[in-house]
Amino acid sequence: MLRVTDLQVSYGAIKALRGISFEVTEGEIITLIGSNGAGKTTTLHAISNIIKKSSGQIFFEGEDISTMPANTIVRKGLIQVPEGRRIFANLTVKENLEMGAFTRTDRSAIKRDLEKVFGLFPRLKERIKQYAGTLSGGEQQMLAMGRALMADPRLLLLDEPSMGLAPILVDEIFSIITEINKSGTTILLVEQNAYKALSIANRAYILETGVINKSGIAADLLHDDSVKKAYLGG
């Protein structure tokens, strides 16, 4: 579904990504894990063409999207939930969700998807008229994910969905990510909570200073001594 080949990104003299390559197959949850500054968010931004690539190619469902405008990529069904949520604080919950469906014209399907979002996130329905800026951190994360789902994604890019959340909310968010995947949405997950990410993913890639230094079945990496030592506190 997604193929990234020899992706390189530089910020001035700093090489943030140094030729990474990986694939995401339809139906999978794939996770990219790594420490701060490893290049995880840069990878997602490069895929969405929010930032300029130095070199490399990105294919989505067989089509080269390497130079495609970001808004066109969204219309293809590749949707990102950004780090830090980036909800529209001065709009209501409902208005934020409607913004997620901005590129769509299928009114009946939008209405159906809105009910699906409320099924996944009942608290959003309870707060439908509330301004998004007044929501708790966990509720804002739910709103950011719900807004992305309203775009009817084929592939959902999740950037640090557990950041700043209480442990009980982290468990809830990861449970919902699994549900979203089971309903048919492929997921590329960037996450610092390596244990949770590896617990739900099919496969994983470990980024270190702009290169992939290890990859494999997520369950295997969860028990890999070097991974445990570096990322799992073991």
C-alpha atoms as a PDB file:
ATOM      1  CA  MET A   1       0.000   0.000   0.000  1.00  0.00           C
ATOM      2  CA  LEU A   2       2.795   2.430   0.950  1.00  0.00           C
ATOM      3  CA  ARG A   3       6.392   2.111  -0.195  1.00  0.00           C
ATOM      4  CA  VAL A   4       9.095   4.519   0.899  1.00  0.00           C
ATOM      5  CA  THR A   5      12.414   4.231  -0.956  1.00  0.00           C
ATOM      6  CA  ASP A   6      15.715   5.878  -0.002  1.00  0.00           C
ATOM      7  CA  LEU A   7      14.023   8.835   1.690  1.00  0.00           C
ATOM      8  CA  GLN A   8      16.376  11.661   2.624  1.00  0.00           C
ATOM      9  CA  VAL A   9      15.482  14.924   4.342  1.00  0.00           C
ATOM     10  CA  SER A  10      17.831  17.685   5.480  1.00  0.00           C
ATOM     11  CA  TYR A  11      17.325  20.777   7.607  1.00  0.00           C
ATOM     12  CA  GLY A  12      20.200  22.925   6.400  1.00  0.00           C
ATOM     13  CA  ALA A  13      23.390  21.031   7.182  1.00  0.00           C
ATOM     14  CA  ILE A  14      21.570  18.547   9.430  1.00  0.00           C
ATOM     15  CA  LYS A  15      20.560  15.276   7.771  1.00  0.00           C
ATOM     16  CA  ALA A  16      17.326  14.295   9.522  1.00  0.00           C
ATOM     17  CA  LEU A  17      16.679  11.218   7.357  1.00  0.00           C
ATOM     18  CA  ARG A  18      19.541   9.424   5.677  1.00  0.00           C
ATOM     19  CA  GLY A  19      18.064   7.105   3.072  1.00  0.00           C
ATOM     20  CA  ILE A  20      15.351   5.147   4.846  1.00  0.00           C
ATOM     21  CA  SER A  21      13.196   2.572   3.060  1.00  0.00           C
ATOM     22  CA  PHE A  22      10.171   0.679   4.361  1.00  0.00           C
ATOM     23  CA  GLU A  23       6.763  -0.671   3.353  1.00  0.00           C
ATOM     24  CA  VAL A  24       3.255  -0.751   4.782  1.00  0.00           C
ATOM     25  CA  THR A  25       0.930  -3.501   3.554  1.00  0.00           C
ATOM     26  CA  GLU A  26      -2.821  -2.999   3.443  1.00  0.00           C
ATOM     27  CA  GLY A  27      -4.520  -4.011   6.686  1.00  0.00           C
ATOM     28  CA  GLU A  28      -1.421  -3.735   8.871  1.00  0.00           C
ATOM     29  CA  ILE A  29      -0.500  -1.625  11.844  1.00  0.00           C
ATOM     30  CA  ILE A  30       3.119  -0.620  11.297  1.00  0.00           C
ATOM     31  CA  THR A  31       4.983   1.332  13.943  1.00  0.00           C
ATOM     32  CA  LEU A  32       8.060   3.547  13.744  1.00  0.00           C
ATOM     33  CA  ILE A  33       9.723   3.850  17.122  1.00  0.00           C
ATOM     34  CA  GLY A  34      12.783   5.737  18.244  1.00  0.00           C
ATOM     35  CA  SER A  35      14.005   8.375  20.643  1.00  0.00           C
ATOM     36  CA  ASN A  36      13.441  12.129  20.321  1.00  0.00           C
ATOM     37  CA  GLY A  37      15.153  13.478  17.204  1.00  0.00           C
ATOM     38  CA  ALA A  38      15.370  10.087  15.496  1.00  0.00           C
ATOM     39  CA  GLY A  39      13.355  11.334  12.496  1.00  0.00           C
ATOM     40  CA  LYS A  40       9.931   9.814  13.167  1.00  0.00           C
ATOM     41  CA  THR A  41       7.794  12.934  12.695  1.00  0.00           C
ATOM     42  CA  THR A  42       9.983  14.049   9.798  1.00  0.00           C
ATOM     43  CA  THR A  43       9.181  10.743   8.090  1.00  0.00           C
ATOM     44  CA  LEU A  44       5.428  11.314   8.368  1.00  0.00           C
ATOM     45  CA  HIS A  45       5.729  14.917   7.193  1.00  0.00           C
ATOM     46  CA  ALA A  46       7.775  13.816   4.195  1.00  0.00           C
ATOM     47  CA  ILE A  47       5.192  11.165   3.287  1.00  0.00           C
ATOM     48  CA  SER A  48       2.413  13.779   3.451  1.00  0.00           C
ATOM     49  CA  ASN A  49       4.665  16.234   1.532  1.00  0.00           C
ATOM     50  CA  ILE A  50       4.383  18.827   4.295  1.00  0.00           C
ATOM     51  CA  ILE A  51       8.164  19.212   4.179  1.00  0.00           C
ATOM     52  CA  LYS A  52      10.562  19.061   1.241  1.00  0.00           C
ATOM     53  CA  LYS A  53      12.520  15.875   0.603  1.00  0.00           C
ATOM     54  CA  SER A  54      16.161  15.925  -0.442  1.00  0.00           C
ATOM     55  CA  SER A  55      15.681  12.714  -2.397  1.00  0.00           C
ATOM     56  CA  GLY A  56      13.785   9.452  -2.424  1.00  0.00           C
ATOM     57  CA  GLN A  57      10.434   8.200  -3.665  1.00  0.00           C
ATOM     58  CA  ILE A  58       7.095   7.512  -2.004  1.00  0.00           C
ATOM     59  CA  PHE A  59       4.465   5.285  -3.599  1.00  0.00           C
ATOM     60  CA  PHE A  60       0.899   5.045  -2.313  1.00  0.00           C
ATOM     61  CA  GLU A  61      -1.237   2.275  -3.775  1.00  0.00           C
ATOM     62  CA  GLY A  62       1.181   1.996  -6.702  1.00  0.00           C
ATOM     63  CA  GLU A  63       1.181   5.721  -7.530  1.00  0.00           C
ATOM     64  CA  ASP A  64       4.229   7.939  -7.099  1.00  0.00           C
ATOM     65  CA  ILE A  65       3.150  10.712  -4.702  1.00  0.00           C
ATOM     66  CA  SER A  66       6.667  12.035  -4.068  1.00  0.00           C
ATOM     67  CA  THR A  67       5.975  15.469  -5.558  1.00  0.00           C
ATOM     68  CA  MET A  68       2.204  15.527  -5.194  1.00  0.00           C
ATOM     69  CA  PRO A  69       0.730  18.519  -3.304  1.00  0.00           C
ATOM     70  CA  ALA A  70      -0.269  17.752   0.283  1.00  0.00           C
ATOM     71  CA  ASN A  71      -3.956  18.509  -0.342  1.00  0.00           C
ATOM     72  CA  THR A  72      -4.026  16.053  -3.260  1.00  0.00           C
ATOM     73  CA  ILE A  73      -2.431  13.377  -1.074  1.00  0.00           C
ATOM     74  CA  VAL A  74      -5.235  13.892   1.458  1.00  0.00           C
ATOM     75  CA  ARG A  75      -7.815  13.367  -1.283  1.00  0.00           C
ATOM     76  CA  LYS A  76      -6.100  10.061  -2.134  1.00  0.00           C
ATOM     77  CA  GLY A  77      -6.967   8.829   1.377  1.00  0.00           C
ATOM     78  CA  LEU A  78      -3.627   9.269   3.128  1.00  0.00           C
ATOM     79  CA  ILE A  79      -4.523  11.203   6.292  1.00  0.00           C
ATOM     80  CA  GLN A  80      -2.307  12.348   9.166  1.00  0.00           C
ATOM     81  CA  VAL A  81      -3.154  12.985  12.821  1.00  0.00           C
ATOM     82  CA  PRO A  82      -0.403  15.436  13.790  1.00  0.00           C
ATOM     83  CA  GLU A  83       1.691  15.457  16.927  1.00  0.00           C
ATOM     84  CA  GLY A  84       0.166  17.843  19.456  1.00  0.00           C
ATOM     85  CA  ARG A  85      -3.370  17.270  18.085  1.00  0.00           C
ATOM     86  CA  ARG A  86      -3.678  20.634  16.250  1.00  0.00           C
ATOM     87  CA  ILE A  87      -7.436  20.798  16.711  1.00  0.00           C
ATOM     88  CA  PHE A  88      -9.286  24.022  15.886  1.00  0.00           C
ATOM     89  CA  ALA A  89      -9.659  25.397  19.413  1.00  0.00           C
ATOM     90  CA  ASN A  90     -12.206  28.094  18.498  1.00  0.00           C
ATOM     91  CA  LEU A  91     -14.519  25.692  16.680  1.00  0.00           C
ATOM     92  CA  THR A  92     -16.934  23.267  18.313  1.00  0.00           C
ATOM     93  CA  VAL A  93     -16.422  19.517  18.371  1.00  0.00           C
ATOM     94  CA  LYS A  94     -18.956  19.128  15.571  1.00  0.00           C
ATOM     95  CA  GLU A  95     -17.312  21.838  13.464  1.00  0.00           C
ATOM     96  CA  ASN A  96     -13.892  20.193  13.889  1.00  0.00           C
ATOM     97  CA  LEU A  97     -15.314  16.883  12.701  1.00  0.00           C
ATOM     98  CA  GLU A  98     -16.987  18.583   9.746  1.00  0.00           C
ATOM     99  CA  MET A  99     -13.627  20.116   8.814  1.00  0.00           C
ATOM    100  CA  GLY A 100     -12.243  16.585   8.588  1.00  0.00           C
ATOM    101  CA  ALA A 101     -14.771  15.862   5.841  1.00  0.00           C
ATOM    102  CA  PHE A 102     -13.971  19.076   3.964  1.00  0.00           C
ATOM    103  CA  THR A 103     -12.726  17.273   0.839  1.00  0.00           C
ATOM    104  CA  ARG A 104     -15.802  15.003   0.625  1.00  0.00           C
ATOM    105  CA  THR A 105     -19.155  15.514  -1.086  1.00  0.00           C
ATOM    106  CA  ASP A 106     -20.903  12.238  -0.217  1.00  0.00           C
ATOM    107  CA  ARG A 107     -23.357  13.637   2.357  1.00  0.00           C
ATOM    108  CA  SER A 108     -24.973  10.340   3.382  1.00  0.00           C
ATOM    109  CA  ALA A 109     -21.583   8.667   3.818  1.00  0.00           C
ATOM    110  CA  ILE A 110     -20.329  11.639   5.860  1.00  0.00           C
ATOM    111  CA  LYS A 111     -23.340  11.312   8.158  1.00  0.00           C
ATOM    112  CA  ARG A 112     -22.675   7.577   8.498  1.00  0.00           C
ATOM    113  CA  ASP A 113     -19.010   8.186   9.316  1.00  0.00           C
ATOM    114  CA  LEU A 114     -19.942  10.812  11.905  1.00  0.00           C
ATOM    115  CA  GLU A 115     -21.999   8.183  13.728  1.00  0.00           C
ATOM    116  CA  LYS A 116     -19.043   5.770  13.487  1.00  0.00           C
ATOM    117  CA  VAL A 117     -16.793   8.389  15.099  1.00  0.00           C
ATOM    118  CA  PHE A 118     -19.319   8.896  17.895  1.00  0.00           C
ATOM    119  CA  GLY A 119     -19.406   5.114  18.328  1.00  0.00           C
ATOM    120  CA  LEU A 120     -15.636   5.055  18.821  1.00  0.00           C
ATOM    121  CA  PHE A 121     -15.553   8.249  20.894  1.00  0.00           C
ATOM    122  CA  PRO A 122     -18.847   8.605  22.840  1.00  0.00           C
ATOM    123  CA  ARG A 123     -17.411  11.538  24.796  1.00  0.00           C
ATOM    124  CA  LEU A 124     -17.238  13.582  21.603  1.00  0.00           C
ATOM    125  CA  LYS A 125     -20.969  13.140  21.101  1.00  0.00           C
ATOM    126  CA  GLU A 126     -21.556  14.293  24.677  1.00  0.00           C
ATOM    127  CA  ARG A 127     -19.501  17.428  23.935  1.00  0.00           C
ATOM    128  CA  ILE A 128     -20.685  18.008  20.370  1.00  0.00           C
ATOM    129  CA  LYS A 129     -21.459  21.712  20.908  1.00  0.00           C
ATOM    130  CA  GLN A 130     -18.479  22.388  23.168  1.00  0.00           C
ATOM    131  CA  TYR A 131     -15.530  24.446  21.923  1.00  0.00           C
ATOM    132  CA  ALA A 132     -12.587  22.167  21.213  1.00  0.00           C
ATOM    133  CA  GLY A 133     -10.174  24.350  23.184  1.00  0.00           C
ATOM    134  CA  THR A 134     -12.079  23.589  26.394  1.00  0.00           C
ATOM    135  CA  LEU A 135     -11.662  19.799  26.074  1.00  0.00           C
ATOM    136  CA  SER A 136      -9.197  17.811  28.168  1.00  0.00           C
ATOM    137  CA  GLY A 137      -5.976  16.566  26.558  1.00  0.00           C
ATOM    138  CA  GLY A 138      -7.393  13.084  26.089  1.00  0.00           C
ATOM    139  CA  GLU A 139     -10.589  14.416  24.559  1.00  0.00           C
ATOM    140  CA  GLN A 140      -8.592  16.625  22.192  1.00  0.00           C
ATOM    141  CA  GLN A 141      -6.627  13.569  21.048  1.00  0.00           C
ATOM    142  CA  MET A 142      -9.892  11.740  20.434  1.00  0.00           C
ATOM    143  CA  LEU A 143     -11.139  14.732  18.455  1.00  0.00           C
ATOM    144  CA  ALA A 144      -7.973  14.863  16.349  1.00  0.00           C
ATOM    145  CA  MET A 145      -8.371  11.165  15.531  1.00  0.00           C
ATOM    146  CA  GLY A 146     -12.090  11.547  14.888  1.00  0.00           C
ATOM    147  CA  ARG A 147     -11.463  14.490  12.567  1.00  0.00           C
ATOM    148  CA  ALA A 148      -8.989  12.368  10.570  1.00  0.00           C
ATOM    149  CA  LEU A 149     -11.476   9.504  10.338  1.00  0.00           C
ATOM    150  CA  MET A 150     -14.031  11.914   8.867  1.00  0.00           C
ATOM    151  CA  ALA A 151     -11.713  12.193   5.842  1.00  0.00           C
ATOM    152  CA  ASP A 152     -12.358   8.474   5.188  1.00  0.00           C
ATOM    153  CA  PRO A 153      -8.688   7.432   5.281  1.00  0.00           C
ATOM    154  CA  ARG A 154      -7.261   4.439   3.451  1.00  0.00           C
ATOM    155  CA  LEU A 155      -4.026   4.889   5.415  1.00  0.00           C
ATOM    156  CA  LEU A 156      -3.962   6.725   8.751  1.00  0.00           C
ATOM    157  CA  LEU A 157      -0.691   8.283   9.928  1.00  0.00           C
ATOM    158  CA  LEU A 158      -0.705   8.701  13.717  1.00  0.00           C
ATOM    159  CA  ASP A 159       2.004  10.907  15.238  1.00  0.00           C
ATOM    160  CA  GLU A 160       2.544  10.355  18.990  1.00  0.00           C
ATOM    161  CA  PRO A 161      -1.122   9.763  19.913  1.00  0.00           C
ATOM    162  CA  SER A 162      -0.273   8.981  23.554  1.00  0.00           C
ATOM    163  CA  MET A 163       1.841  12.087  24.175  1.00  0.00           C
ATOM    164  CA  GLY A 164       0.967  13.843  27.449  1.00  0.00           C
ATOM    165  CA  LEU A 165      -1.888  11.507  28.338  1.00  0.00           C
ATOM    166  CA  ALA A 166      -2.536   9.763  31.652  1.00  0.00           C
ATOM    167  CA  PRO A 167      -1.834   5.993  31.585  1.00  0.00           C
ATOM    168  CA  ILE A 168      -5.540   5.049  31.683  1.00  0.00           C
ATOM    169  CA  LEU A 169      -6.180   7.253  28.638  1.00  0.00           C
ATOM    170  CA  VAL A 170      -3.161   5.805  26.837  1.00  0.00           C
ATOM    171  CA  ASP A 171      -4.712   2.349  27.188  1.00  0.00           C
ATOM    172  CA  GLU A 172      -8.014   3.665  25.827  1.00  0.00           C
ATOM    173  CA  ILE A 173      -6.389   5.379  22.834  1.00  0.00           C
ATOM    174  CA  PHE A 174      -4.421   2.254  21.885  1.00  0.00           C
ATOM    175  CA  SER A 175      -7.545   0.117  22.207  1.00  0.00           C
ATOM    176  CA  ILE A 176      -9.337   2.495  19.814  1.00  0.00           C
ATOM    177  CA  ILE A 177      -6.395   2.401  17.368  1.00  0.00           C
ATOM    178  CA  THR A 178      -6.771  -1.393  17.277  1.00  0.00           C
ATOM    179  CA  GLU A 179     -10.511  -1.018  16.660  1.00  0.00           C
ATOM    180  CA  ILE A 180      -9.939   1.425  13.807  1.00  0.00           C
ATOM    181  CA  ASN A 181      -7.540  -1.034  12.208  1.00  0.00           C
ATOM    182  CA  LYS A 182      -9.955  -3.948  12.595  1.00  0.00           C
ATOM    183  CA  SER A 183     -12.622  -1.890  10.833  1.00  0.00           C
ATOM    184  CA  GLY A 184     -10.425  -1.785   7.720  1.00  0.00           C
ATOM    185  CA  THR A 185      -8.070   1.196   8.054  1.00  0.00           C
ATOM    186  CA  THR A 186      -4.346   0.594   7.620  1.00  0.00           C
ATOM    187  CA  ILE A 187      -2.225   2.445  10.198  1.00  0.00           C
ATOM    188  CA  LEU A 188       1.310   3.832  10.309  1.00  0.00           C
ATOM    189  CA  LEU A 189       1.991   4.694  13.932  1.00  0.00           C
ATOM    190  CA  VAL A 190       4.799   6.903  15.224  1.00  0.00           C
ATOM    191  CA  GLU A 191       5.110   6.512  18.964  1.00  0.00           C
ATOM    192  CA  GLN A 192       7.605   7.010  21.792  1.00  0.00           C
ATOM    193  CA  ASN A 193       5.765   4.546  24.014  1.00  0.00           C
ATOM    194  CA  ALA A 194       7.567   1.624  22.409  1.00  0.00           C
ATOM    195  CA  TYR A 195       5.949  -1.021  24.602  1.00  0.00           C
ATOM    196  CA  LYS A 196       2.385  -0.009  23.692  1.00  0.00           C
ATOM    197  CA  ALA A 197       3.253   0.455  20.023  1.00  0.00           C
ATOM    198  CA  LEU A 198       4.942  -2.945  19.715  1.00  0.00           C
ATOM    199  CA  SER A 199       2.060  -4.558  21.624  1.00  0.00           C
ATOM    200  CA  ILE A 200      -0.506  -3.663  18.938  1.00  0.00           C
ATOM    201  CA  ALA A 201       1.584  -3.496  15.745  1.00  0.00           C
ATOM    202  CA  ASN A 202       2.141  -6.227  13.163  1.00  0.00           C
ATOM    203  CA  ARG A 203       5.608  -5.045  12.218  1.00  0.00           C
ATOM    204  CA  ALA A 204       7.994  -2.345  13.409  1.00  0.00           C
ATOM    205  CA  TYR A 205      10.899  -0.242  12.200  1.00  0.00           C
ATOM    206  CA  ILE A 206      13.321   1.306  14.671  1.00  0.00           C
ATOM    207  CA  LEU A 207      14.729   4.686  13.701  1.00  0.00           C
ATOM    208  CA  GLU A 208      17.979   5.979  15.136  1.00  0.00           C
ATOM    209  CA  THR A 209      19.445   9.330  14.048  1.00  0.00           C
ATOM    210  CA  GLY A 210      17.816   9.198  10.630  1.00  0.00           C
ATOM    211  CA  VAL A 211      18.422   5.560   9.738  1.00  0.00           C
ATOM    212  CA  ILE A 212      16.477   2.346  10.274  1.00  0.00           C
ATOM    213  CA  ASN A 213      18.741   0.180  12.395  1.00  0.00           C
ATOM    214  CA  LYS A 214      16.344  -2.701  13.035  1.00  0.00           C
ATOM    215  CA  SER A 215      13.026  -4.008  11.742  1.00  0.00           C
ATOM    216  CA  GLY A 216      10.861  -7.073  12.093  1.00  0.00           C
ATOM    217  CA  ILE A 217       7.751  -8.630  13.571  1.00  0.00           C
ATOM    218  CA  ALA A 218       6.604  -6.370  16.405  1.00  0.00           C
ATOM    219  CA  ALA A 219       6.084  -9.232  18.861  1.00  0.00           C
ATOM    220  CA  ASP A 220       9.655 -10.420  18.251  1.00  0.00           C
ATOM    221  CA  LEU A 221      11.113  -6.945  18.756  1.00  0.00           C
ATOM    222  CA  LEU A 222       9.162  -6.643  22.006  1.00  0.00           C
ATOM    223  CA  HIS A 223      11.359  -9.440  23.358  1.00  0.00           C
ATOM    224  CA  ASP A 224      14.596  -8.412  21.646  1.00  0.00           C
ATOM    225  CA  ASP A 225      17.258  -7.674  24.266  1.00  0.00           C
ATOM    226  CA  SER A 226      18.735  -4.666  22.466  1.00  0.00           C
ATOM    227  CA  VAL A 227      15.283  -3.149  21.941  1.00  0.00           C
ATOM    228  CA  LYS A 228      14.329  -3.768  25.561  1.00  0.00           C
ATOM    229  CA  LYS A 229      17.519  -2.135  26.745  1.00  0.00           C
ATOM    230  CA  ALA A 230      17.182   0.922  24.492  1.00  0.00           C
ATOM    231  CA  TYR A 231      13.441   1.563  24.472  1.00  0.00           C
ATOM    232  CA  LEU A 232      11.614  -0.564  27.023  1.00  0.00           C
ATOM    233  CA  GLY A 233      13.638   0.075  30.167  1.00  0.00           C
ATOM    234  CA  GLY A 234      14.770  -3.528  30.362  1.00  0.00           C
END
